[in-house]
Amino acid sequence: MGEKPKLIVGSPSSLHPLHYLCSLCLQPFYLSEDQPPKKAVMELLHAFDEHVEREHGCEDSNSTKPTQE
């Protein structure tokens, strides 16, 4: 069985703002600056989960999904 993709922090030496990467293909994911932080994180995790399912054929990523309060 292949390795499951993980969301990892992008290189701090990059000229891009803080970003996260898919551990398998290094596709970047960015936090939305026009959203409250909690909503921006939820959207980033949702985009990552969709990417994992579509590009890597996994239904379940290792991302931690925040709970709704």
PDB file of N, CA and C in Angstrom:
ATOM      1  N   MET A   1       0.847  -1.177   0.000  1.00  0.00           N
ATOM      2  CA  MET A   1       0.000   0.000   0.000  1.00  0.00           C
ATOM      3  C   MET A   1       0.890   1.237   0.000  1.00  0.00           C
ATOM      4  N   GLY A   2       0.517   2.257  -0.771  1.00  0.00           N
ATOM      5  CA  GLY A   2       1.317   3.474  -0.881  1.00  0.00           C
ATOM      6  C   GLY A   2       1.176   4.376   0.331  1.00  0.00           C
ATOM      7  N   GLU A   3       2.083   5.300   0.398  1.00  0.00           N
ATOM      8  CA  GLU A   3       2.074   6.279   1.485  1.00  0.00           C
ATOM      9  C   GLU A   3       0.899   7.235   1.315  1.00  0.00           C
ATOM     10  N   LYS A   4       0.247   7.593   2.421  1.00  0.00           N
ATOM     11  CA  LYS A   4      -0.855   8.548   2.364  1.00  0.00           C
ATOM     12  C   LYS A   4      -0.288   9.962   2.326  1.00  0.00           C
ATOM     13  N   PRO A   5      -0.881  10.828   1.521  1.00  0.00           N
ATOM     14  CA  PRO A   5      -0.426  12.219   1.460  1.00  0.00           C
ATOM     15  C   PRO A   5      -0.662  12.928   2.792  1.00  0.00           C
ATOM     16  N   LYS A   6       0.244  13.825   3.103  1.00  0.00           N
ATOM     17  CA  LYS A   6       0.132  14.646   4.309  1.00  0.00           C
ATOM     18  C   LYS A   6       0.269  16.094   3.901  1.00  0.00           C
ATOM     19  N   LEU A   7      -0.282  16.970   4.689  1.00  0.00           N
ATOM     20  CA  LEU A   7      -0.146  18.395   4.469  1.00  0.00           C
ATOM     21  C   LEU A   7       1.063  18.857   5.265  1.00  0.00           C
ATOM     22  N   ILE A   8       2.071  19.383   4.578  1.00  0.00           N
ATOM     23  CA  ILE A   8       3.301  19.807   5.252  1.00  0.00           C
ATOM     24  C   ILE A   8       3.521  21.303   5.024  1.00  0.00           C
ATOM     25  N   VAL A   9       4.288  21.929   5.913  1.00  0.00           N
ATOM     26  CA  VAL A   9       4.584  23.356   5.800  1.00  0.00           C
ATOM     27  C   VAL A   9       5.603  23.561   4.691  1.00  0.00           C
ATOM     28  N   GLY A  10       5.338  24.561   3.828  1.00  0.00           N
ATOM     29  CA  GLY A  10       6.256  24.879   2.741  1.00  0.00           C
ATOM     30  C   GLY A  10       7.537  25.497   3.259  1.00  0.00           C
ATOM     31  N   SER A  11       8.514  25.577   2.419  1.00  0.00           N
ATOM     32  CA  SER A  11       9.826  26.098   2.765  1.00  0.00           C
ATOM     33  C   SER A  11       9.747  27.556   3.201  1.00  0.00           C
ATOM     34  N   PRO A  12      10.321  27.880   4.354  1.00  0.00           N
ATOM     35  CA  PRO A  12      10.292  29.269   4.813  1.00  0.00           C
ATOM     36  C   PRO A  12      11.185  30.177   3.967  1.00  0.00           C
ATOM     37  N   SER A  13      12.087  29.611   3.184  1.00  0.00           N
ATOM     38  CA  SER A  13      12.966  30.419   2.347  1.00  0.00           C
ATOM     39  C   SER A  13      12.290  30.828   1.037  1.00  0.00           C
ATOM     40  N   SER A  14      11.100  30.326   0.811  1.00  0.00           N
ATOM     41  CA  SER A  14      10.359  30.642  -0.407  1.00  0.00           C
ATOM     42  C   SER A  14       9.961  32.114  -0.411  1.00  0.00           C
ATOM     43  N   LEU A  15       9.833  32.689  -1.595  1.00  0.00           N
ATOM     44  CA  LEU A  15       9.386  34.070  -1.729  1.00  0.00           C
ATOM     45  C   LEU A  15       7.871  34.186  -1.581  1.00  0.00           C
ATOM     46  N   HIS A  16       7.187  33.044  -1.542  1.00  0.00           N
ATOM     47  CA  HIS A  16       5.733  33.026  -1.392  1.00  0.00           C
ATOM     48  C   HIS A  16       5.357  33.177   0.066  1.00  0.00           C
ATOM     49  N   PRO A  17       4.136  33.655   0.337  1.00  0.00           N
ATOM     50  CA  PRO A  17       3.677  33.714   1.730  1.00  0.00           C
ATOM     51  C   PRO A  17       3.586  32.307   2.315  1.00  0.00           C
ATOM     52  N   LEU A  18       3.395  32.238   3.615  1.00  0.00           N
ATOM     53  CA  LEU A  18       3.277  30.940   4.283  1.00  0.00           C
ATOM     54  C   LEU A  18       2.333  30.055   3.504  1.00  0.00           C
ATOM     55  N   HIS A  19       2.783  28.856   3.226  1.00  0.00           N
ATOM     56  CA  HIS A  19       1.960  27.928   2.459  1.00  0.00           C
ATOM     57  C   HIS A  19       2.231  26.505   2.922  1.00  0.00           C
ATOM     58  N   TYR A  20       1.386  25.611   2.457  1.00  0.00           N
ATOM     59  CA  TYR A  20       1.473  24.199   2.808  1.00  0.00           C
ATOM     60  C   TYR A  20       1.574  23.408   1.524  1.00  0.00           C
ATOM     61  N   LEU A  21       2.132  22.205   1.607  1.00  0.00           N
ATOM     62  CA  LEU A  21       2.359  21.377   0.429  1.00  0.00           C
ATOM     63  C   LEU A  21       1.818  19.975   0.637  1.00  0.00           C
ATOM     64  N   CYS A  22       1.383  19.350  -0.447  1.00  0.00           N
ATOM     65  CA  CYS A  22       1.057  17.930  -0.429  1.00  0.00           C
ATOM     66  C   CYS A  22       2.387  17.184  -0.358  1.00  0.00           C
ATOM     67  N   SER A  23       2.531  16.286   0.581  1.00  0.00           N
ATOM     68  CA  SER A  23       3.801  15.578   0.775  1.00  0.00           C
ATOM     69  C   SER A  23       4.166  14.675  -0.402  1.00  0.00           C
ATOM     70  N   LEU A  24       3.191  14.293  -1.224  1.00  0.00           N
ATOM     71  CA  LEU A  24       3.493  13.405  -2.352  1.00  0.00           C
ATOM     72  C   LEU A  24       3.848  14.150  -3.629  1.00  0.00           C
ATOM     73  N   CYS A  25       3.110  15.214  -3.952  1.00  0.00           N
ATOM     74  CA  CYS A  25       3.329  15.884  -5.234  1.00  0.00           C
ATOM     75  C   CYS A  25       3.790  17.334  -5.093  1.00  0.00           C
ATOM     76  N   LEU A  26       3.846  17.823  -3.874  1.00  0.00           N
ATOM     77  CA  LEU A  26       4.310  19.182  -3.556  1.00  0.00           C
ATOM     78  C   LEU A  26       3.423  20.288  -4.125  1.00  0.00           C
ATOM     79  N   GLN A  27       2.159  19.967  -4.396  1.00  0.00           N
ATOM     80  CA  GLN A  27       1.231  21.025  -4.811  1.00  0.00           C
ATOM     81  C   GLN A  27       1.032  21.971  -3.635  1.00  0.00           C
ATOM     82  N   PRO A  28       1.143  23.285  -3.865  1.00  0.00           N
ATOM     83  CA  PRO A  28       0.977  24.238  -2.758  1.00  0.00           C
ATOM     84  C   PRO A  28      -0.494  24.518  -2.435  1.00  0.00           C
ATOM     85  N   PHE A  29      -0.727  24.827  -1.180  1.00  0.00           N
ATOM     86  CA  PHE A  29      -2.040  25.239  -0.683  1.00  0.00           C
ATOM     87  C   PHE A  29      -1.814  26.469   0.184  1.00  0.00           C
ATOM     88  N   TYR A  30      -2.624  27.498  -0.035  1.00  0.00           N
ATOM     89  CA  TYR A  30      -2.458  28.764   0.664  1.00  0.00           C
ATOM     90  C   TYR A  30      -3.678  29.068   1.524  1.00  0.00           C
ATOM     91  N   LEU A  31      -3.442  29.730   2.653  1.00  0.00           N
ATOM     92  CA  LEU A  31      -4.533  30.207   3.491  1.00  0.00           C
ATOM     93  C   LEU A  31      -5.124  31.455   2.844  1.00  0.00           C
ATOM     94  N   SER A  32      -6.429  31.539   2.826  1.00  0.00           N
ATOM     95  CA  SER A  32      -7.107  32.715   2.290  1.00  0.00           C
ATOM     96  C   SER A  32      -6.905  33.874   3.258  1.00  0.00           C
ATOM     97  N   GLU A  33      -6.444  35.001   2.733  1.00  0.00           N
ATOM     98  CA  GLU A  33      -6.202  36.167   3.585  1.00  0.00           C
ATOM     99  C   GLU A  33      -7.470  36.969   3.846  1.00  0.00           C
ATOM    100  N   ASP A  34      -8.524  36.730   3.066  1.00  0.00           N
ATOM    101  CA  ASP A  34      -9.749  37.506   3.226  1.00  0.00           C
ATOM    102  C   ASP A  34     -10.802  36.782   4.057  1.00  0.00           C
ATOM    103  N   GLN A  35     -10.393  35.756   4.769  1.00  0.00           N
ATOM    104  CA  GLN A  35     -11.303  34.982   5.627  1.00  0.00           C
ATOM    105  C   GLN A  35     -10.797  35.038   7.070  1.00  0.00           C
ATOM    106  N   PRO A  36     -11.686  34.888   8.039  1.00  0.00           N
ATOM    107  CA  PRO A  36     -11.217  34.733   9.421  1.00  0.00           C
ATOM    108  C   PRO A  36     -10.317  33.493   9.494  1.00  0.00           C
ATOM    109  N   PRO A  37      -9.336  33.488  10.384  1.00  0.00           N
ATOM    110  CA  PRO A  37      -8.366  32.374  10.435  1.00  0.00           C
ATOM    111  C   PRO A  37      -8.997  30.980  10.497  1.00  0.00           C
ATOM    112  N   LYS A  38      -9.996  30.779  11.325  1.00  0.00           N
ATOM    113  CA  LYS A  38     -10.601  29.458  11.470  1.00  0.00           C
ATOM    114  C   LYS A  38     -11.239  29.003  10.162  1.00  0.00           C
ATOM    115  N   LYS A  39     -11.946  29.902   9.496  1.00  0.00           N
ATOM    116  CA  LYS A  39     -12.585  29.565   8.222  1.00  0.00           C
ATOM    117  C   LYS A  39     -11.526  29.317   7.146  1.00  0.00           C
ATOM    118  N   ALA A  40     -10.448  30.096   7.149  1.00  0.00           N
ATOM    119  CA  ALA A  40      -9.377  29.921   6.165  1.00  0.00           C
ATOM    120  C   ALA A  40      -8.740  28.539   6.312  1.00  0.00           C
ATOM    121  N   VAL A  41      -8.530  28.101   7.547  1.00  0.00           N
ATOM    122  CA  VAL A  41      -7.948  26.771   7.789  1.00  0.00           C
ATOM    123  C   VAL A  41      -8.913  25.690   7.317  1.00  0.00           C
ATOM    124  N   MET A  42     -10.191  25.846   7.615  1.00  0.00           N
ATOM    125  CA  MET A  42     -11.177  24.852   7.186  1.00  0.00           C
ATOM    126  C   MET A  42     -11.214  24.746   5.664  1.00  0.00           C
ATOM    127  N   GLU A  43     -11.151  25.875   4.969  1.00  0.00           N
ATOM    128  CA  GLU A  43     -11.159  25.861   3.508  1.00  0.00           C
ATOM    129  C   GLU A  43      -9.889  25.218   2.951  1.00  0.00           C
ATOM    130  N   LEU A  44      -8.742  25.505   3.565  1.00  0.00           N
ATOM    131  CA  LEU A  44      -7.489  24.905   3.118  1.00  0.00           C
ATOM    132  C   LEU A  44      -7.536  23.390   3.278  1.00  0.00           C
ATOM    133  N   LEU A  45      -8.006  22.914   4.417  1.00  0.00           N
ATOM    134  CA  LEU A  45      -8.093  21.470   4.652  1.00  0.00           C
ATOM    135  C   LEU A  45      -9.081  20.808   3.696  1.00  0.00           C
ATOM    136  N   HIS A  46     -10.170  21.486   3.406  1.00  0.00           N
ATOM    137  CA  HIS A  46     -11.147  20.950   2.456  1.00  0.00           C
ATOM    138  C   HIS A  46     -10.524  20.837   1.063  1.00  0.00           C
ATOM    139  N   ALA A  47      -9.813  21.877   0.645  1.00  0.00           N
ATOM    140  CA  ALA A  47      -9.153  21.848  -0.668  1.00  0.00           C
ATOM    141  C   ALA A  47      -8.115  20.732  -0.722  1.00  0.00           C
ATOM    142  N   PHE A  48      -7.369  20.536   0.372  1.00  0.00           N
ATOM    143  CA  PHE A  48      -6.372  19.472   0.415  1.00  0.00           C
ATOM    144  C   PHE A  48      -7.045  18.103   0.331  1.00  0.00           C
ATOM    145  N   ASP A  49      -8.112  17.897   1.077  1.00  0.00           N
ATOM    146  CA  ASP A  49      -8.826  16.614   1.044  1.00  0.00           C
ATOM    147  C   ASP A  49      -9.362  16.315  -0.359  1.00  0.00           C
ATOM    148  N   GLU A  50      -9.905  17.336  -1.037  1.00  0.00           N
ATOM    149  CA  GLU A  50     -10.385  17.140  -2.411  1.00  0.00           C
ATOM    150  C   GLU A  50      -9.227  16.790  -3.341  1.00  0.00           C
ATOM    151  N   HIS A  51      -8.099  17.463  -3.174  1.00  0.00           N
ATOM    152  CA  HIS A  51      -6.909  17.177  -3.976  1.00  0.00           C
ATOM    153  C   HIS A  51      -6.455  15.739  -3.778  1.00  0.00           C
ATOM    154  N   VAL A  52      -6.400  15.296  -2.530  1.00  0.00           N
ATOM    155  CA  VAL A  52      -5.949  13.934  -2.217  1.00  0.00           C
ATOM    156  C   VAL A  52      -6.852  12.912  -2.890  1.00  0.00           C
ATOM    157  N   GLU A  53      -8.149  13.116  -2.809  1.00  0.00           N
ATOM    158  CA  GLU A  53      -9.096  12.176  -3.420  1.00  0.00           C
ATOM    159  C   GLU A  53      -8.971  12.177  -4.942  1.00  0.00           C
ATOM    160  N   ARG A  54      -8.885  13.357  -5.522  1.00  0.00           N
ATOM    161  CA  ARG A  54      -8.849  13.487  -6.979  1.00  0.00           C
ATOM    162  C   ARG A  54      -7.502  13.044  -7.564  1.00  0.00           C
ATOM    163  N   GLU A  55      -6.397  13.488  -6.994  1.00  0.00           N
ATOM    164  CA  GLU A  55      -5.076  13.263  -7.584  1.00  0.00           C
ATOM    165  C   GLU A  55      -4.373  11.998  -7.099  1.00  0.00           C
ATOM    166  N   HIS A  56      -4.688  11.559  -5.896  1.00  0.00           N
ATOM    167  CA  HIS A  56      -3.960  10.426  -5.324  1.00  0.00           C
ATOM    168  C   HIS A  56      -4.851   9.224  -5.033  1.00  0.00           C
ATOM    169  N   GLY A  57      -6.141   9.339  -5.332  1.00  0.00           N
ATOM    170  CA  GLY A  57      -7.054   8.217  -5.176  1.00  0.00           C
ATOM    171  C   GLY A  57      -7.275   7.775  -3.745  1.00  0.00           C
ATOM    172  N   CYS A  58      -7.075   8.687  -2.811  1.00  0.00           N
ATOM    173  CA  CYS A  58      -7.299   8.376  -1.392  1.00  0.00           C
ATOM    174  C   CYS A  58      -8.554   9.097  -0.940  1.00  0.00           C
ATOM    175  N   GLU A  59      -9.390   8.392  -0.221  1.00  0.00           N
ATOM    176  CA  GLU A  59     -10.599   9.035   0.306  1.00  0.00           C
ATOM    177  C   GLU A  59     -10.329   9.722   1.627  1.00  0.00           C
ATOM    178  N   ASP A  60      -9.244   9.384   2.259  1.00  0.00           N
ATOM    179  CA  ASP A  60      -8.973   9.851   3.603  1.00  0.00           C
ATOM    180  C   ASP A  60      -7.553  10.363   3.678  1.00  0.00           C
ATOM    181  N   SER A  61      -7.367  11.628   3.981  1.00  0.00           N
ATOM    182  CA  SER A  61      -6.022  12.166   4.135  1.00  0.00           C
ATOM    183  C   SER A  61      -5.647  12.159   5.606  1.00  0.00           C
ATOM    184  N   ASN A  62      -4.419  12.529   5.897  1.00  0.00           N
ATOM    185  CA  ASN A  62      -3.950  12.596   7.282  1.00  0.00           C
ATOM    186  C   ASN A  62      -4.131  13.980   7.858  1.00  0.00           C
ATOM    187  N   SER A  63      -4.867  14.845   7.191  1.00  0.00           N
ATOM    188  CA  SER A  63      -5.073  16.192   7.713  1.00  0.00           C
ATOM    189  C   SER A  63      -5.991  16.126   8.930  1.00  0.00           C
ATOM    190  N   THR A  64      -5.773  17.039   9.823  1.00  0.00           N
ATOM    191  CA  THR A  64      -6.610  17.120  11.012  1.00  0.00           C
ATOM    192  C   THR A  64      -7.733  18.093  10.727  1.00  0.00           C
ATOM    193  N   LYS A  65      -8.949  17.621  10.795  1.00  0.00           N
ATOM    194  CA  LYS A  65     -10.083  18.475  10.498  1.00  0.00           C
ATOM    195  C   LYS A  65     -10.570  19.134  11.784  1.00  0.00           C
ATOM    196  N   PRO A  66     -10.637  20.484  11.772  1.00  0.00           N
ATOM    197  CA  PRO A  66     -11.129  21.149  12.972  1.00  0.00           C
ATOM    198  C   PRO A  66     -12.611  20.869  13.167  1.00  0.00           C
ATOM    199  N   THR A  67     -13.018  20.842  14.388  1.00  0.00           N
ATOM    200  CA  THR A  67     -14.428  20.594  14.680  1.00  0.00           C
ATOM    201  C   THR A  67     -15.163  21.923  14.748  1.00  0.00           C
ATOM    202  N   GLN A  68     -16.431  21.930  14.424  1.00  0.00           N
ATOM    203  CA  GLN A  68     -17.268  23.107  14.522  1.00  0.00           C
ATOM    204  C   GLN A  68     -17.643  23.301  15.976  1.00  0.00           C
ATOM    205  N   GLU A  69     -17.552  24.535  16.448  1.00  0.00           N
ATOM    206  CA  GLU A  69     -17.959  24.825  17.832  1.00  0.00           C
ATOM    207  C   GLU A  69     -19.346  25.376  17.881  1.00  0.00           C
TER     208      GLU A  69
END
